[in-house]
Amino acid sequence: MTTQSIEFSAADGYPLRGTLWRPAAEPSALVLIHPATAVPERLYAGFARYLTERGFAALTYNYRGIDASRPARLNRLRARMRDWVDLDVEAATAWARRAFAGVPLLAVGHSVGGHAIGLSAGSRHLRAAVMVASHAGSTRLIAHAAERLKVRLILRVLGPLTSTLLGYVPGRRLGLGEDLPAGVFREWSGWTTLPRYFFDDPTLGAAERFAKQRLPILALGFDDDPWANPVAIDLLVSYLTHAAVERRQIDPRATGSGPVGHMGFFRSRPGAVLWPGVADWLAQALDRPRDADRAPSSTPAGNRA
């Protein structure tokens, strides 16, 4: 396995930085790993390394404003969350198509990275994709009152206040992860107030975008995730009306993976239990037809694992 630092530009010229992970032999496919909100690419390093052991190449990268793709003055960056999808994810997909011409493309999207699979026009180039803990992020869908109150305090009070004072949101201090561009935070925060999250934003056209996707998709949820609960995940995937969606709802206690929550799938201890099943699914997807209507086996409750 080898790694290579890479840089590629979005359509608006913004430079994005990431890492290419190559297996020892020719890869069976390239897996694009689309990160979650305020999460740097280093979280995905262990998973990318594991994929190379399974014969895949992988691309990890940072959205604009995050980690290695952060400008010197974050408070001067003008960006919205949709730019991560429409510019950054599209740029990563375009780079992969150029660098790995003729090699099948797959994707694994974490939280908002899974949203990108449904929203991105570039998903038409994917053979299949996995959504990990991707959900409709309306705060009213958070089941536990204390967690719902905490999230609303950050998204509706502390985040807006600090973004006004600093010109960006200090995500590290607020427990969000990396610092966030103010415009990204504002759009995200606004979507969380809507009953159906960004599907209720008429300027985004999310329902129409999701309905255009016709690829096989595996949507994973975990019982100990306080945000991406089954109701929120099922609302999101219900808009994938022409994709072959397989839902798996996983009980970490039953699998013996240890706690997973919203972030743990990509950590090594849970990964030792959970990664093989996803890699198997991706490998099998290469042997299946890409274009298919929604799978009859997809049910709102998903498949228990």
Protein backbone atom coordinates (compact mmCIF):
# COMPACT_ATOMS: atom_id res chain seq x y z
CA MET A 1 0.00 0.00 0.00
CA THR A 2 1.20 3.51 -0.83
CA THR A 3 -0.15 6.96 -0.09
CA GLN A 4 0.16 10.16 -2.07
CA SER A 5 -0.79 13.69 -1.09
CA ILE A 6 -2.86 15.30 -3.82
CA GLU A 7 -4.37 18.67 -4.64
CA PHE A 8 -7.19 19.36 -7.06
CA SER A 9 -9.31 22.40 -7.80
CA ALA A 10 -13.05 22.88 -7.68
CA ALA A 11 -14.87 24.52 -10.58
CA ASP A 12 -14.53 27.93 -8.90
CA GLY A 13 -10.77 27.45 -8.56
CA TYR A 14 -10.71 26.68 -4.84
CA PRO A 15 -7.82 24.29 -4.00
CA LEU A 16 -8.76 21.09 -2.16
CA ARG A 17 -6.28 18.73 -0.54
CA GLY A 18 -6.48 15.04 0.14
CA THR A 19 -4.73 11.69 0.08
CA LEU A 20 -4.75 8.89 -2.47
CA TRP A 21 -4.46 5.40 -1.04
CA ARG A 22 -3.27 2.69 -3.47
CA PRO A 23 -3.17 -1.08 -3.00
CA ALA A 24 -0.08 -3.04 -4.00
CA ALA A 25 -1.80 -4.46 -7.10
CA GLU A 26 -4.06 -2.80 -9.65
CA PRO A 27 -7.23 -1.67 -7.85
CA SER A 28 -10.59 -3.25 -8.55
CA ALA A 29 -12.21 0.16 -8.01
CA LEU A 30 -11.57 3.59 -6.51
CA VAL A 31 -13.62 4.46 -3.41
CA LEU A 32 -14.34 8.15 -2.85
CA ILE A 33 -14.72 8.84 0.88
CA HIS A 34 -16.87 11.93 1.40
CA PRO A 35 -16.43 13.27 4.95
CA ALA A 36 -18.92 14.44 7.55
CA THR A 37 -19.42 18.02 8.70
CA ALA A 38 -16.36 19.51 10.42
CA VAL A 39 -14.49 16.20 10.18
CA PRO A 40 -10.93 16.11 8.76
CA GLU A 41 -9.80 13.38 6.40
CA ARG A 42 -7.56 11.79 9.03
CA LEU A 43 -10.61 10.14 10.65
CA TYR A 44 -10.97 8.05 7.50
CA ALA A 45 -7.33 6.94 7.23
CA GLY A 46 -7.81 3.57 8.92
CA PHE A 47 -10.81 2.73 6.77
CA ALA A 48 -8.97 3.80 3.60
CA ARG A 49 -6.02 1.63 4.57
CA TYR A 50 -8.34 -1.31 5.13
CA LEU A 51 -9.89 -0.79 1.70
CA THR A 52 -6.45 -1.09 0.10
CA GLU A 53 -6.05 -4.44 1.86
CA ARG A 54 -9.25 -5.49 0.10
CA GLY A 55 -7.93 -4.45 -3.30
CA PHE A 56 -9.54 -1.00 -3.60
CA ALA A 57 -7.88 2.36 -4.06
CA ALA A 58 -9.35 5.16 -1.93
CA LEU A 59 -9.46 8.94 -1.93
CA THR A 60 -9.81 10.88 1.32
CA TYR A 61 -9.98 14.66 1.25
CA ASN A 62 -11.13 17.79 3.08
CA TYR A 63 -13.97 20.08 2.11
CA ARG A 64 -13.17 23.77 1.67
CA GLY A 65 -12.56 25.44 5.02
CA ILE A 66 -11.65 22.19 6.77
CA ASP A 67 -8.19 21.05 7.92
CA ALA A 68 -5.73 20.97 4.99
CA SER A 69 -8.29 22.71 2.74
CA ARG A 70 -8.63 25.61 5.20
CA PRO A 71 -7.48 29.04 4.00
CA ALA A 72 -5.16 31.24 6.04
CA ARG A 73 -8.09 33.47 7.04
CA LEU A 74 -11.17 31.31 7.61
CA ASN A 75 -13.26 34.37 8.45
CA ARG A 76 -12.81 35.56 4.86
CA LEU A 77 -14.03 32.36 3.22
CA ARG A 78 -17.43 32.73 1.57
CA ALA A 79 -19.01 29.30 1.30
CA ARG A 80 -22.28 27.49 1.87
CA MET A 81 -22.84 23.87 2.80
CA ARG A 82 -24.21 23.19 -0.67
CA ASP A 83 -20.82 24.24 -2.06
CA TRP A 84 -19.31 21.18 -0.40
CA VAL A 85 -21.61 19.09 -2.61
CA ASP A 86 -21.90 21.12 -5.79
CA LEU A 87 -18.24 22.15 -5.96
CA ASP A 88 -16.05 19.99 -3.71
CA VAL A 89 -17.66 16.56 -4.12
CA GLU A 90 -18.02 17.21 -7.84
CA ALA A 91 -14.33 18.13 -8.01
CA ALA A 92 -13.27 14.97 -6.17
CA THR A 93 -15.37 12.86 -8.53
CA ALA A 94 -13.97 14.62 -11.60
CA TRP A 95 -10.40 14.16 -10.35
CA ALA A 96 -11.03 10.45 -9.75
CA ARG A 97 -12.46 9.98 -13.23
CA ARG A 98 -9.39 11.59 -14.79
CA ALA A 99 -6.80 9.89 -12.60
CA PHE A 100 -8.45 6.45 -12.75
CA ALA A 101 -9.96 6.39 -16.22
CA GLY A 102 -11.56 3.03 -16.87
CA VAL A 103 -11.57 2.03 -13.18
CA PRO A 104 -15.02 1.70 -11.54
CA LEU A 105 -15.88 4.41 -9.02
CA LEU A 106 -17.57 3.74 -5.70
CA ALA A 107 -18.32 6.09 -2.81
CA VAL A 108 -18.71 5.97 0.95
CA GLY A 109 -20.34 9.07 2.41
CA HIS A 110 -20.39 9.88 6.12
CA SER A 111 -23.32 12.00 7.35
CA VAL A 112 -23.32 15.03 4.99
CA GLY A 113 -21.01 12.99 2.77
CA GLY A 114 -23.92 10.60 2.32
CA HIS A 115 -26.20 13.53 1.53
CA ALA A 116 -23.78 14.34 -1.27
CA ILE A 117 -24.40 10.94 -2.84
CA GLY A 118 -28.07 11.84 -3.17
CA LEU A 119 -27.53 15.47 -4.16
CA SER A 120 -24.54 15.28 -6.48
CA ALA A 121 -24.89 15.11 -10.24
CA GLY A 122 -21.55 13.30 -10.19
CA SER A 123 -23.16 10.27 -8.57
CA ARG A 124 -24.20 9.20 -12.07
CA HIS A 125 -20.58 8.09 -12.49
CA LEU A 126 -20.65 5.78 -9.44
CA ARG A 127 -21.25 2.06 -9.66
CA ALA A 128 -22.59 1.97 -6.08
CA ALA A 129 -22.37 3.88 -2.81
CA VAL A 130 -22.65 3.50 0.96
CA MET A 131 -24.24 6.07 3.26
CA VAL A 132 -22.92 5.88 6.83
CA ALA A 133 -25.02 7.59 9.52
CA SER A 134 -26.61 9.88 6.92
CA HIS A 135 -29.95 11.26 7.98
CA ALA A 136 -32.40 14.13 7.65
CA GLY A 137 -30.83 16.50 10.15
CA SER A 138 -33.93 18.28 11.46
CA THR A 139 -33.39 18.74 15.20
CA ARG A 140 -37.01 17.83 15.90
CA LEU A 141 -36.12 14.26 14.87
CA ILE A 142 -33.60 13.89 17.73
CA ALA A 143 -35.41 11.52 20.06
CA HIS A 144 -33.85 12.40 23.42
CA ALA A 145 -34.89 15.77 24.82
CA ALA A 146 -31.57 16.56 26.51
CA GLU A 147 -29.59 15.87 23.33
CA ARG A 148 -32.09 17.84 21.26
CA LEU A 149 -31.72 20.83 23.62
CA LYS A 150 -27.92 20.65 23.51
CA VAL A 151 -27.81 20.51 19.72
CA ARG A 152 -30.27 23.40 19.40
CA LEU A 153 -28.22 25.47 21.84
CA ILE A 154 -25.14 25.03 19.65
CA LEU A 155 -26.87 25.45 16.30
CA ARG A 156 -29.22 28.30 17.18
CA VAL A 157 -27.44 30.27 19.90
CA LEU A 158 -23.73 29.62 20.37
CA GLY A 159 -22.88 29.03 16.72
CA PRO A 160 -24.64 32.12 15.36
CA LEU A 161 -23.21 34.26 18.18
CA THR A 162 -19.62 33.17 17.66
CA SER A 163 -19.87 33.37 13.88
CA THR A 164 -21.01 36.98 14.19
CA LEU A 165 -18.16 37.81 16.56
CA LEU A 166 -15.37 35.89 14.83
CA GLY A 167 -16.50 35.51 11.23
CA TYR A 168 -16.36 31.72 11.56
CA VAL A 169 -17.65 29.09 13.98
CA PRO A 170 -15.06 27.73 16.46
CA GLY A 171 -16.16 24.14 16.09
CA ARG A 172 -13.30 22.82 18.19
CA ARG A 173 -14.43 24.86 21.19
CA LEU A 174 -18.11 24.04 20.69
CA GLY A 175 -17.57 20.31 20.32
CA LEU A 176 -18.49 20.23 16.62
CA GLY A 177 -15.11 19.04 15.38
CA GLU A 178 -13.12 21.37 13.12
CA ASP A 179 -13.83 25.09 12.85
CA LEU A 180 -16.49 25.89 10.25
CA PRO A 181 -16.90 28.67 7.69
CA ALA A 182 -19.70 30.97 8.84
CA GLY A 183 -21.74 30.55 5.66
CA VAL A 184 -21.55 26.76 5.82
CA PHE A 185 -22.74 26.83 9.42
CA ARG A 186 -25.58 29.26 8.71
CA GLU A 187 -27.01 27.19 5.88
CA TRP A 188 -26.68 23.97 7.88
CA SER A 189 -28.26 25.55 10.96
CA GLY A 190 -31.16 26.85 8.88
CA TRP A 191 -31.84 23.43 7.41
CA THR A 192 -31.97 21.86 10.88
CA THR A 193 -35.00 24.03 11.74
CA LEU A 194 -37.05 22.63 8.84
CA PRO A 195 -39.30 19.57 9.37
CA ARG A 196 -37.79 17.68 6.41
CA TYR A 197 -34.34 19.24 6.64
CA PHE A 198 -33.00 20.44 3.26
CA PHE A 199 -35.89 18.83 1.41
CA ASP A 200 -37.92 21.84 2.59
CA ASP A 201 -35.46 24.34 1.07
CA PRO A 202 -36.94 25.25 -2.33
CA THR A 203 -33.65 26.76 -3.51
CA LEU A 204 -31.82 23.42 -3.26
CA GLY A 205 -34.16 21.06 -5.12
CA ALA A 206 -33.04 18.15 -2.95
CA ALA A 207 -36.05 15.92 -3.62
CA GLU A 208 -35.58 16.22 -7.37
CA ARG A 209 -31.85 15.52 -7.08
CA PHE A 210 -32.37 12.43 -4.91
CA ALA A 211 -35.01 11.09 -7.31
CA LYS A 212 -32.48 11.14 -10.18
CA GLN A 213 -30.15 8.65 -8.51
CA ARG A 214 -30.45 5.11 -9.87
CA LEU A 215 -27.47 3.36 -8.33
CA PRO A 216 -27.32 0.66 -5.62
CA ILE A 217 -27.02 2.28 -2.18
CA LEU A 218 -26.36 0.71 1.21
CA ALA A 219 -27.63 2.95 4.04
CA LEU A 220 -26.21 2.15 7.48
CA GLY A 221 -27.52 3.27 10.85
CA PHE A 222 -26.48 2.42 14.39
CA ASP A 223 -28.74 2.04 17.40
CA ASP A 224 -26.51 4.17 19.65
CA ASP A 225 -26.34 7.14 17.25
CA PRO A 226 -28.21 10.01 18.96
CA TRP A 227 -28.69 11.96 15.73
CA ALA A 228 -28.99 9.51 12.83
CA ASN A 229 -31.80 7.45 14.33
CA PRO A 230 -33.97 5.14 12.19
CA VAL A 231 -36.72 7.74 11.70
CA ALA A 232 -34.25 10.36 10.44
CA ILE A 233 -32.41 7.90 8.19
CA ASP A 234 -35.60 6.48 6.72
CA LEU A 235 -36.88 9.98 5.96
CA LEU A 236 -33.69 10.71 4.03
CA VAL A 237 -33.63 7.50 1.99
CA SER A 238 -37.36 7.72 1.23
CA TYR A 239 -36.42 10.37 -1.35
CA LEU A 240 -34.18 7.90 -3.21
CA THR A 241 -37.22 6.80 -5.16
CA HIS A 242 -35.34 5.23 -8.09
CA ALA A 243 -32.27 3.86 -6.32
CA ALA A 244 -31.83 0.27 -5.17
CA VAL A 245 -31.58 1.02 -1.45
CA GLU A 246 -30.59 -1.54 1.15
CA ARG A 247 -31.09 -0.39 4.75
CA ARG A 248 -29.13 -1.97 7.57
CA GLN A 249 -29.80 -0.91 11.14
CA ILE A 250 -27.03 -2.22 13.38
CA ASP A 251 -27.08 -2.89 17.12
CA PRO A 252 -23.45 -2.47 18.26
CA ARG A 253 -24.10 -4.60 21.34
CA ALA A 254 -25.21 -7.51 19.18
CA THR A 255 -22.23 -7.24 16.83
CA GLY A 256 -19.67 -6.85 19.61
CA SER A 257 -18.17 -3.78 17.94
CA GLY A 258 -18.27 -1.59 21.01
CA PRO A 259 -19.87 1.88 20.91
CA VAL A 260 -20.32 3.36 17.43
CA GLY A 261 -22.53 6.44 17.72
CA HIS A 262 -22.30 8.95 14.90
CA MET A 263 -18.54 8.82 14.33
CA GLY A 264 -17.32 5.42 15.48
CA PHE A 265 -17.79 3.40 12.29
CA PHE A 266 -14.55 4.87 10.96
CA ARG A 267 -12.53 4.12 14.11
CA SER A 268 -10.40 1.01 14.26
CA ARG A 269 -12.09 -0.93 17.08
CA PRO A 270 -15.63 -0.86 15.67
CA GLY A 271 -14.13 -1.04 12.20
CA ALA A 272 -12.58 -4.43 12.86
CA VAL A 273 -16.13 -5.75 13.13
CA LEU A 274 -18.01 -3.47 10.72
CA TRP A 275 -15.65 -2.75 7.82
CA PRO A 276 -15.58 -6.27 6.33
CA GLY A 277 -19.33 -6.25 5.68
CA VAL A 278 -19.14 -2.92 3.86
CA ALA A 279 -16.12 -3.98 1.81
CA ASP A 280 -17.94 -7.19 0.89
CA TRP A 281 -20.98 -5.19 -0.22
CA LEU A 282 -18.83 -2.87 -2.36
CA ALA A 283 -17.06 -5.81 -3.99
CA GLN A 284 -20.36 -7.51 -4.76
CA ALA A 285 -21.75 -4.26 -6.17
CA LEU A 286 -19.13 -4.37 -8.91
CA ASP A 287 -20.78 -7.55 -10.19
CA ARG A 288 -24.34 -6.16 -10.12
CA PRO A 289 -26.13 -3.95 -12.67
CA ARG A 290 -25.74 -0.29 -11.80
CA ASP A 291 -29.10 1.09 -12.95
CA ALA A 292 -32.05 -0.36 -11.09
CA ASP A 293 -35.31 0.80 -9.59
CA ARG A 294 -35.75 0.80 -5.85
CA ALA A 295 -35.16 -2.67 -4.44
CA PRO A 296 -38.33 -4.41 -3.26
CA SER A 297 -36.52 -5.52 -0.10
CA SER A 298 -36.05 -1.94 1.08
CA THR A 299 -38.32 -1.39 4.05
CA PRO A 300 -38.73 1.62 6.35
CA ALA A 301 -37.47 -0.42 9.29
CA GLY A 302 -34.41 -1.65 7.43
CA ASN A 303 -32.66 -4.95 8.03
CA ARG A 304 -31.43 -5.63 11.54
CA ALA A 305 -27.82 -6.59 11.99
